[in-house]
Amino acid sequence: MSAIKNIIKNIPGIRPLYRFSRRIYALIFFTGSKYGCPICDRSFRKFFPYREGLEVKENVFCPYCGSAERHRLEFLFFSQYTNIFSRKNKVLHFAPEPIFTEYFCKNHSIEYISGYIEKGRAMCVMDITDIQFEDGRFDYIICNHVLEHVLDEKKALSEIKRVLKPRGKAIITVPISYTSETTLERPTSSDQERLELYGQHDHVRLYGADFPDRLRNFGFEVETFSAGIEISSEMVEQYRLNKGETVYIAIKAIA
């Protein structure tokens, strides 16, 4: 059923209608103050659940703006630890989440550009392994749950580094297995094998605890922002964050 719902949501013209109807539904049936979303700045008695296979996680998706755990964590990082909203920054966003696109586009001081490999999902059709912008253009690049889909990780990270300004920051999240010291990357062409190995049929690797080192190997300085460390337990519960979620900040060093 969820697969059918996702197909329907992505029909051109349906997404805005779906988003509008969801927000009306949230305001009518989810009014409360137990949980809050820092992105849309609204409170609710509960969030929408998330089903993954047979497992159901309660209180995951904001019923108004649709943000997930990682989006709320990343927004807290943006607003509290960067100047991304307070200066005339140039921002490139890959595979953009609608809630972030909406927020950035309202801030007219930001030069915001989004890119996606297929037409109709972003401002530009763009392959992360072949970015069509000049060297050193962007202050920030946002890349959420993209790299695990990209066969040529080396080319993608090289392109990200190329178009960042010196001391520019790539804000990256990926699914990570912290029980594994090294990234699992086994050649396979079978959807079923990828599902079994990586947890999703269109993933080409499962990152391990070595992910920061993979970024450093490309010359980035790496910082982290984790819900279980930088965020108080009270805020983790209030904003329904995942304590195991980490935002990786890859900083382009000055040559």
Protein backbone atom coordinates (compact mmCIF):
# COMPACT_ATOMS: atom_id res chain seq x y z
CA MET A 1 0.00 0.00 0.00
CA SER A 2 2.82 2.45 0.87
CA ALA A 3 4.43 1.82 -2.55
CA ILE A 4 1.16 2.69 -4.29
CA LYS A 5 0.83 5.82 -2.15
CA ASN A 6 4.35 6.93 -3.11
CA ILE A 7 3.58 6.44 -6.81
CA ILE A 8 0.41 8.51 -6.50
CA LYS A 9 2.21 11.28 -4.58
CA ASN A 10 4.83 11.61 -7.33
CA ILE A 11 2.35 12.12 -10.17
CA PRO A 12 2.92 15.67 -11.51
CA GLY A 13 0.50 18.08 -9.86
CA ILE A 14 -0.52 15.63 -7.13
CA ARG A 15 2.29 16.39 -4.67
CA PRO A 16 1.11 19.96 -3.78
CA LEU A 17 -2.46 18.70 -3.35
CA TYR A 18 -1.28 15.82 -1.17
CA ARG A 19 0.84 18.19 0.95
CA PHE A 20 -2.08 20.62 1.38
CA SER A 21 -4.54 17.87 2.38
CA ARG A 22 -2.02 16.36 4.82
CA ARG A 23 -1.57 19.72 6.53
CA ILE A 24 -5.30 20.25 6.92
CA TYR A 25 -5.63 16.73 8.33
CA ALA A 26 -2.77 17.38 10.77
CA LEU A 27 -4.25 20.64 12.03
CA ILE A 28 -7.64 19.01 12.62
CA PHE A 29 -6.70 15.61 14.07
CA PHE A 30 -3.17 15.94 15.48
CA THR A 31 -3.43 19.17 17.49
CA GLY A 32 -1.47 18.97 20.75
CA SER A 33 1.75 19.97 22.45
CA LYS A 34 3.61 16.75 23.28
CA TYR A 35 5.94 16.78 20.26
CA GLY A 36 7.33 19.60 18.17
CA CYS A 37 8.92 20.15 14.77
CA PRO A 38 11.66 22.82 14.56
CA ILE A 39 11.24 23.15 10.79
CA CYS A 40 7.56 24.10 10.56
CA ASP A 41 7.59 25.33 14.18
CA ARG A 42 4.37 23.47 15.10
CA SER A 43 3.41 21.12 17.91
CA PHE A 44 1.30 17.96 17.85
CA ARG A 45 0.01 15.25 20.16
CA LYS A 46 1.80 12.68 18.00
CA PHE A 47 3.63 12.24 14.69
CA PHE A 48 2.90 9.85 11.84
CA PRO A 49 4.36 6.33 12.13
CA TYR A 50 6.88 4.85 9.71
CA ARG A 51 6.65 1.28 8.45
CA GLU A 52 9.79 -0.53 7.29
CA GLY A 53 9.04 -4.12 6.34
CA LEU A 54 7.27 -5.65 9.34
CA GLU A 55 8.60 -3.02 11.75
CA VAL A 56 6.56 0.05 12.62
CA LYS A 57 8.28 3.03 14.26
CA GLU A 58 5.93 5.37 16.06
CA ASN A 59 6.12 9.18 16.00
CA VAL A 60 8.52 9.61 13.06
CA PHE A 61 7.04 11.94 10.42
CA CYS A 62 5.83 15.45 11.24
CA PRO A 63 2.15 15.41 10.20
CA TYR A 64 2.29 19.01 8.94
CA CYS A 65 5.54 19.38 6.99
CA GLY A 66 6.47 15.71 6.53
CA SER A 67 9.94 15.99 8.06
CA ALA A 68 11.61 12.79 9.24
CA GLU A 69 14.07 12.35 12.11
CA ARG A 70 17.16 13.17 10.04
CA HIS A 71 15.57 16.32 8.57
CA ARG A 72 14.80 17.74 12.01
CA LEU A 73 18.31 16.94 13.24
CA GLU A 74 19.87 18.58 10.20
CA PHE A 75 17.70 21.67 10.58
CA LEU A 76 18.84 22.04 14.20
CA PHE A 77 22.41 21.86 12.96
CA PHE A 78 21.75 24.46 10.26
CA SER A 79 20.03 26.90 12.59
CA GLN A 80 22.27 26.54 15.64
CA TYR A 81 25.74 25.80 14.27
CA THR A 82 25.99 27.47 10.84
CA ASN A 83 25.40 30.86 9.21
CA ILE A 84 23.52 29.26 6.32
CA PHE A 85 20.33 31.27 7.01
CA SER A 86 21.96 34.53 8.07
CA ARG A 87 24.28 35.33 5.14
CA LYS A 88 24.09 35.51 1.37
CA ASN A 89 25.23 31.93 0.96
CA LYS A 90 25.22 29.91 -2.24
CA VAL A 91 23.64 26.52 -1.59
CA LEU A 92 23.47 23.45 -3.83
CA HIS A 93 21.04 20.74 -2.75
CA PHE A 94 20.99 17.23 -4.27
CA ALA A 95 17.80 15.14 -4.31
CA PRO A 96 16.02 17.94 -2.44
CA GLU A 97 13.48 17.22 0.26
CA PRO A 98 10.37 19.39 -0.36
CA ILE A 99 10.33 20.74 3.20
CA PHE A 100 13.90 22.03 2.87
CA THR A 101 13.29 23.42 -0.61
CA GLU A 102 10.26 25.31 0.67
CA TYR A 103 12.20 26.72 3.61
CA PHE A 104 15.25 27.77 1.59
CA CYS A 105 13.21 29.35 -1.19
CA LYS A 106 11.47 31.58 1.34
CA ASN A 107 14.85 32.98 2.38
CA HIS A 108 15.61 35.38 -0.45
CA SER A 109 19.11 36.18 0.79
CA ILE A 110 20.21 32.64 -0.16
CA GLU A 111 21.12 31.63 -3.71
CA TYR A 112 19.52 28.20 -3.62
CA ILE A 113 19.85 25.63 -6.43
CA SER A 114 18.55 22.08 -6.30
CA GLY A 115 19.48 19.20 -8.56
CA TYR A 116 18.20 15.70 -9.25
CA ILE A 117 19.18 13.05 -11.77
CA GLU A 118 15.65 12.90 -13.21
CA LYS A 119 13.47 15.65 -14.60
CA GLY A 120 10.72 17.21 -12.50
CA ARG A 121 12.10 16.68 -8.99
CA ALA A 122 14.37 19.73 -8.71
CA MET A 123 15.35 23.00 -10.35
CA CYS A 124 18.04 21.35 -12.49
CA VAL A 125 18.57 17.92 -13.98
CA MET A 126 21.99 17.06 -12.59
CA ASP A 127 24.19 14.04 -11.98
CA ILE A 128 26.21 14.31 -8.79
CA THR A 129 29.17 12.77 -10.63
CA ASP A 130 29.06 15.55 -13.25
CA ILE A 131 28.07 18.84 -11.64
CA GLN A 132 27.53 21.58 -14.22
CA PHE A 133 28.92 24.48 -12.21
CA GLU A 134 32.31 26.14 -12.06
CA ASP A 135 34.98 25.43 -9.47
CA GLY A 136 34.56 26.99 -6.04
CA ARG A 137 31.02 28.31 -6.47
CA PHE A 138 29.12 27.08 -3.39
CA ASP A 139 29.32 27.82 0.32
CA TYR A 140 27.21 24.77 1.20
CA ILE A 141 26.23 21.53 -0.49
CA ILE A 142 23.43 19.43 1.01
CA CYS A 143 23.50 15.73 0.19
CA ASN A 144 21.07 13.55 2.17
CA HIS A 145 20.94 9.80 1.56
CA VAL A 146 22.35 10.10 -1.95
CA LEU A 147 25.86 8.62 -1.91
CA GLU A 148 24.64 5.10 -1.11
CA HIS A 149 22.89 5.13 -4.51
CA VAL A 150 25.92 6.32 -6.51
CA LEU A 151 28.16 3.73 -8.18
CA ASP A 152 31.10 6.10 -8.66
CA GLU A 153 31.50 7.47 -5.15
CA LYS A 154 34.99 8.75 -5.94
CA LYS A 155 33.75 10.91 -8.79
CA ALA A 156 30.81 12.21 -6.74
CA LEU A 157 32.98 13.30 -3.82
CA SER A 158 35.54 14.79 -6.19
CA GLU A 159 32.83 16.86 -7.88
CA ILE A 160 31.41 18.01 -4.53
CA LYS A 161 34.86 19.11 -3.46
CA ARG A 162 35.54 20.86 -6.77
CA VAL A 163 32.47 23.13 -6.67
CA LEU A 164 32.80 24.04 -2.99
CA LYS A 165 34.52 27.26 -2.02
CA PRO A 166 37.62 26.95 0.18
CA ARG A 167 36.25 26.24 3.70
CA GLY A 168 32.91 25.48 2.09
CA LYS A 169 30.91 22.70 3.73
CA ALA A 170 29.19 19.63 2.35
CA ILE A 171 26.43 18.55 4.74
CA ILE A 172 26.05 14.80 4.25
CA THR A 173 23.89 12.06 5.73
CA VAL A 174 23.95 8.40 4.71
CA PRO A 175 22.56 5.17 6.18
CA ILE A 176 25.31 3.69 8.35
CA SER A 177 25.78 0.35 10.08
CA TYR A 178 27.71 1.30 13.21
CA THR A 179 28.17 -2.38 14.05
CA SER A 180 30.47 -2.65 11.02
CA GLU A 181 33.93 -1.10 11.07
CA THR A 182 34.16 -0.99 7.27
CA THR A 183 31.80 -0.16 4.43
CA LEU A 184 30.23 -3.15 2.69
CA GLU A 185 30.59 -2.80 -1.07
CA ARG A 186 30.12 -6.06 -2.94
CA PRO A 187 29.51 -6.05 -6.72
CA THR A 188 26.03 -7.34 -7.50
CA SER A 189 23.38 -6.72 -10.13
CA SER A 190 20.47 -8.35 -8.31
CA ASP A 191 17.84 -6.24 -6.57
CA GLN A 192 17.25 -9.05 -4.10
CA GLU A 193 20.95 -9.31 -3.26
CA ARG A 194 21.19 -5.56 -2.74
CA LEU A 195 18.12 -5.69 -0.50
CA GLU A 196 19.72 -8.43 1.59
CA LEU A 197 23.19 -6.81 1.69
CA TYR A 198 22.39 -3.13 1.97
CA GLY A 199 18.81 -2.99 3.21
CA GLN A 200 17.40 -1.40 0.04
CA HIS A 201 17.26 -2.68 -3.53
CA ASP A 202 18.66 0.53 -5.09
CA HIS A 203 21.61 0.94 -2.71
CA VAL A 204 25.08 -0.03 -3.93
CA ARG A 205 26.87 -0.05 -0.55
CA LEU A 206 26.22 -0.03 3.17
CA TYR A 207 28.46 2.47 4.91
CA GLY A 208 30.23 1.47 8.10
CA ALA A 209 32.00 3.33 10.87
CA ASP A 210 34.78 4.17 8.38
CA PHE A 211 32.59 6.73 6.56
CA PRO A 212 34.40 9.77 8.05
CA ASP A 213 37.72 8.28 6.94
CA ARG A 214 36.38 7.85 3.41
CA LEU A 215 35.63 11.58 3.39
CA ARG A 216 39.08 12.40 4.79
CA ASN A 217 40.68 10.33 2.03
CA PHE A 218 39.35 12.96 -0.41
CA GLY A 219 41.03 15.74 1.52
CA PHE A 220 38.03 16.90 3.52
CA GLU A 221 38.20 17.92 7.12
CA VAL A 222 35.35 16.12 8.87
CA GLU A 223 33.15 17.21 11.76
CA THR A 224 30.05 15.49 13.12
CA PHE A 225 26.76 16.52 14.69
CA SER A 226 24.96 13.70 16.50
CA ALA A 227 21.57 13.64 18.16
CA GLY A 228 22.89 11.51 21.00
CA ILE A 229 25.75 13.94 21.77
CA GLU A 230 24.97 17.54 20.81
CA ILE A 231 21.23 17.40 21.59
CA SER A 232 19.82 17.06 25.09
CA SER A 233 17.70 13.99 25.87
CA GLU A 234 14.70 16.28 26.44
CA MET A 235 15.03 17.80 22.95
CA VAL A 236 15.62 14.37 21.41
CA GLU A 237 12.25 13.28 22.79
CA GLN A 238 10.46 16.56 22.06
CA TYR A 239 11.57 16.65 18.43
CA ARG A 240 11.45 12.86 18.01
CA LEU A 241 15.07 12.53 16.92
CA ASN A 242 17.01 9.32 16.39
CA LYS A 243 19.89 9.20 18.89
CA GLY A 244 21.91 7.14 16.43
CA GLU A 245 21.61 9.71 13.61
CA THR A 246 24.69 11.73 12.68
CA VAL A 247 25.19 14.63 10.28
CA TYR A 248 28.65 14.65 8.66
CA ILE A 249 30.20 17.99 7.77
CA ALA A 250 32.88 17.66 5.08
CA ILE A 251 34.90 20.90 4.95
CA LYS A 252 37.00 21.79 1.94
CA ALA A 253 40.48 22.64 3.15
CA ILE A 254 42.31 25.70 1.86
CA ALA A 255 44.95 24.54 -0.61
